[in-house]
Amino acid sequence: MVTINKPVTLHWLRHSYATHLLESGTDLRYIQELLGHNSSKTTEIYTHVSTKNIQQIKSPFDDL
């Protein structure tokens, strides 16, 4: 059995949900719609958390 030592809030669950969607390749505009954000700037806070996608970016110079 897994024990969670931190308090879990709705905000924390929304944040985890959005981060997992982003890391699995879901477009930021879809995440914005799912979370009900009016501004893309609000949704963009989740992009700083996701390092998995950044590591998968291939530079055009890699093919030289």
N, C-alpha and C. Protein backbone atom coordinates (compact mmCIF):
# COMPACT_ATOMS: atom_id res chain seq x y z
N MET A 1 0.84 -1.18 0.00
CA MET A 1 0.00 0.00 0.00
C MET A 1 0.88 1.24 0.00
N VAL A 2 0.47 2.25 -0.75
CA VAL A 2 1.20 3.51 -0.85
C VAL A 2 0.63 4.50 0.15
N THR A 3 1.53 5.16 0.86
CA THR A 3 1.12 6.19 1.81
C THR A 3 1.49 7.55 1.25
N ILE A 4 0.55 8.47 1.27
CA ILE A 4 0.80 9.85 0.83
C ILE A 4 1.00 10.69 2.07
N ASN A 5 2.20 11.27 2.18
CA ASN A 5 2.53 12.05 3.37
C ASN A 5 2.19 13.54 3.23
N LYS A 6 1.93 13.99 2.00
CA LYS A 6 1.60 15.39 1.79
C LYS A 6 0.09 15.56 1.74
N PRO A 7 -0.39 16.73 2.15
CA PRO A 7 -1.83 16.97 2.01
C PRO A 7 -2.18 17.12 0.52
N VAL A 8 -3.24 16.47 0.09
CA VAL A 8 -3.66 16.51 -1.30
C VAL A 8 -4.82 17.49 -1.42
N THR A 9 -4.68 18.44 -2.33
CA THR A 9 -5.73 19.44 -2.55
C THR A 9 -6.23 19.32 -3.99
N LEU A 10 -7.35 19.92 -4.27
CA LEU A 10 -7.87 19.94 -5.63
C LEU A 10 -6.90 20.64 -6.58
N HIS A 11 -6.27 21.71 -6.10
CA HIS A 11 -5.30 22.43 -6.92
C HIS A 11 -4.13 21.50 -7.30
N TRP A 12 -3.66 20.74 -6.34
CA TRP A 12 -2.56 19.81 -6.58
C TRP A 12 -2.96 18.75 -7.61
N LEU A 13 -4.18 18.24 -7.52
CA LEU A 13 -4.66 17.24 -8.47
C LEU A 13 -4.79 17.83 -9.87
N ARG A 14 -5.30 19.05 -9.99
CA ARG A 14 -5.40 19.72 -11.30
C ARG A 14 -4.03 19.93 -11.89
N HIS A 15 -3.09 20.34 -11.06
CA HIS A 15 -1.72 20.58 -11.51
C HIS A 15 -1.09 19.28 -12.01
N SER A 16 -1.26 18.20 -11.28
CA SER A 16 -0.73 16.90 -11.68
C SER A 16 -1.37 16.41 -12.97
N TYR A 17 -2.68 16.58 -13.07
CA TYR A 17 -3.43 16.18 -14.26
C TYR A 17 -2.89 16.91 -15.49
N ALA A 18 -2.75 18.23 -15.38
CA ALA A 18 -2.27 19.02 -16.51
C ALA A 18 -0.83 18.67 -16.87
N THR A 19 0.01 18.45 -15.87
CA THR A 19 1.41 18.11 -16.13
C THR A 19 1.52 16.76 -16.83
N HIS A 20 0.74 15.79 -16.40
CA HIS A 20 0.77 14.47 -17.04
C HIS A 20 0.25 14.54 -18.47
N LEU A 21 -0.79 15.33 -18.71
CA LEU A 21 -1.28 15.50 -20.07
C LEU A 21 -0.20 16.11 -20.96
N LEU A 22 0.46 17.13 -20.45
CA LEU A 22 1.52 17.79 -21.21
C LEU A 22 2.67 16.83 -21.51
N GLU A 23 3.08 16.06 -20.52
CA GLU A 23 4.19 15.12 -20.70
C GLU A 23 3.83 13.97 -21.64
N SER A 24 2.54 13.68 -21.77
CA SER A 24 2.14 12.60 -22.68
C SER A 24 1.90 13.11 -24.09
N GLY A 25 2.16 14.42 -24.31
CA GLY A 25 2.10 14.97 -25.65
C GLY A 25 0.83 15.72 -26.00
N THR A 26 -0.05 15.94 -25.05
CA THR A 26 -1.28 16.69 -25.32
C THR A 26 -0.96 18.15 -25.60
N ASP A 27 -1.53 18.68 -26.64
CA ASP A 27 -1.30 20.07 -27.02
C ASP A 27 -1.77 21.01 -25.91
N LEU A 28 -1.00 22.05 -25.68
CA LEU A 28 -1.29 23.00 -24.60
C LEU A 28 -2.66 23.65 -24.78
N ARG A 29 -3.10 23.84 -26.01
CA ARG A 29 -4.42 24.46 -26.25
C ARG A 29 -5.55 23.54 -25.78
N TYR A 30 -5.37 22.23 -25.91
CA TYR A 30 -6.38 21.29 -25.42
C TYR A 30 -6.41 21.29 -23.89
N ILE A 31 -5.24 21.36 -23.29
CA ILE A 31 -5.17 21.40 -21.83
C ILE A 31 -5.85 22.67 -21.32
N GLN A 32 -5.62 23.78 -22.02
CA GLN A 32 -6.27 25.04 -21.66
C GLN A 32 -7.78 24.88 -21.66
N GLU A 33 -8.30 24.24 -22.69
CA GLU A 33 -9.75 24.04 -22.79
C GLU A 33 -10.26 23.12 -21.69
N LEU A 34 -9.54 22.02 -21.43
CA LEU A 34 -9.96 21.07 -20.40
C LEU A 34 -9.99 21.69 -19.01
N LEU A 35 -9.03 22.58 -18.75
CA LEU A 35 -8.97 23.21 -17.43
C LEU A 35 -9.86 24.43 -17.31
N GLY A 36 -10.40 24.89 -18.44
CA GLY A 36 -11.29 26.05 -18.41
C GLY A 36 -10.57 27.37 -18.27
N HIS A 37 -9.32 27.44 -18.70
CA HIS A 37 -8.57 28.69 -18.63
C HIS A 37 -8.97 29.59 -19.80
N ASN A 38 -9.19 30.85 -19.51
CA ASN A 38 -9.49 31.82 -20.56
C ASN A 38 -8.24 32.25 -21.30
N SER A 39 -7.14 32.31 -20.61
CA SER A 39 -5.89 32.77 -21.18
C SER A 39 -4.89 31.63 -21.28
N SER A 40 -4.15 31.58 -22.39
CA SER A 40 -3.11 30.57 -22.54
C SER A 40 -1.98 30.81 -21.55
N LYS A 41 -1.83 32.05 -21.11
CA LYS A 41 -0.78 32.38 -20.13
C LYS A 41 -1.00 31.61 -18.83
N THR A 42 -2.24 31.42 -18.44
CA THR A 42 -2.55 30.67 -17.22
C THR A 42 -2.13 29.22 -17.38
N THR A 43 -2.37 28.65 -18.54
CA THR A 43 -2.04 27.25 -18.78
C THR A 43 -0.54 27.06 -18.92
N GLU A 44 0.16 28.06 -19.39
CA GLU A 44 1.60 27.95 -19.63
C GLU A 44 2.41 27.73 -18.35
N ILE A 45 1.83 27.91 -17.19
CA ILE A 45 2.57 27.66 -15.95
C ILE A 45 2.98 26.20 -15.85
N TYR A 46 2.26 25.31 -16.54
CA TYR A 46 2.57 23.89 -16.48
C TYR A 46 3.76 23.52 -17.35
N THR A 47 4.14 24.40 -18.26
CA THR A 47 5.24 24.06 -19.16
C THR A 47 6.59 24.07 -18.45
N HIS A 48 6.74 24.84 -17.40
CA HIS A 48 8.03 24.87 -16.71
C HIS A 48 8.28 23.60 -15.90
N VAL A 49 7.23 22.87 -15.62
CA VAL A 49 7.35 21.65 -14.81
C VAL A 49 7.82 20.47 -15.66
N SER A 50 7.43 20.45 -16.91
CA SER A 50 7.69 19.31 -17.77
C SER A 50 9.08 19.38 -18.39
N THR A 51 10.00 18.56 -17.90
CA THR A 51 11.33 18.49 -18.49
C THR A 51 11.45 17.31 -19.44
N LYS A 52 10.52 16.38 -19.36
CA LYS A 52 10.55 15.20 -20.22
C LYS A 52 10.48 15.61 -21.70
N ASN A 53 9.57 16.53 -22.03
CA ASN A 53 9.43 16.96 -23.42
C ASN A 53 10.65 17.72 -23.90
N ILE A 54 11.25 18.50 -23.05
CA ILE A 54 12.43 19.26 -23.43
C ILE A 54 13.58 18.33 -23.79
N GLN A 55 13.72 17.25 -23.05
CA GLN A 55 14.79 16.30 -23.32
C GLN A 55 14.61 15.56 -24.63
N GLN A 56 13.40 15.50 -25.14
CA GLN A 56 13.12 14.79 -26.38
C GLN A 56 13.22 15.66 -27.63
N ILE A 57 13.48 16.94 -27.45
CA ILE A 57 13.59 17.83 -28.59
C ILE A 57 14.90 17.55 -29.32
N LYS A 58 14.78 17.39 -30.62
CA LYS A 58 15.95 17.11 -31.44
C LYS A 58 16.36 18.40 -32.14
N SER A 59 17.62 18.74 -32.01
CA SER A 59 18.15 19.92 -32.63
C SER A 59 18.38 19.67 -34.12
N PRO A 60 18.12 20.66 -34.97
CA PRO A 60 18.41 20.50 -36.39
C PRO A 60 19.90 20.24 -36.65
N PHE A 61 20.74 20.67 -35.73
CA PHE A 61 22.18 20.47 -35.88
C PHE A 61 22.59 19.03 -35.63
N ASP A 62 21.71 18.23 -35.00
CA ASP A 62 22.01 16.82 -34.75
C ASP A 62 22.15 16.03 -36.05
N ASP A 63 21.53 16.51 -37.13
CA ASP A 63 21.57 15.81 -38.41
C ASP A 63 22.77 16.21 -39.26
N LEU A 64 23.52 17.18 -38.82
CA LEU A 64 24.68 17.63 -39.63
C LEU A 64 25.87 16.71 -39.47
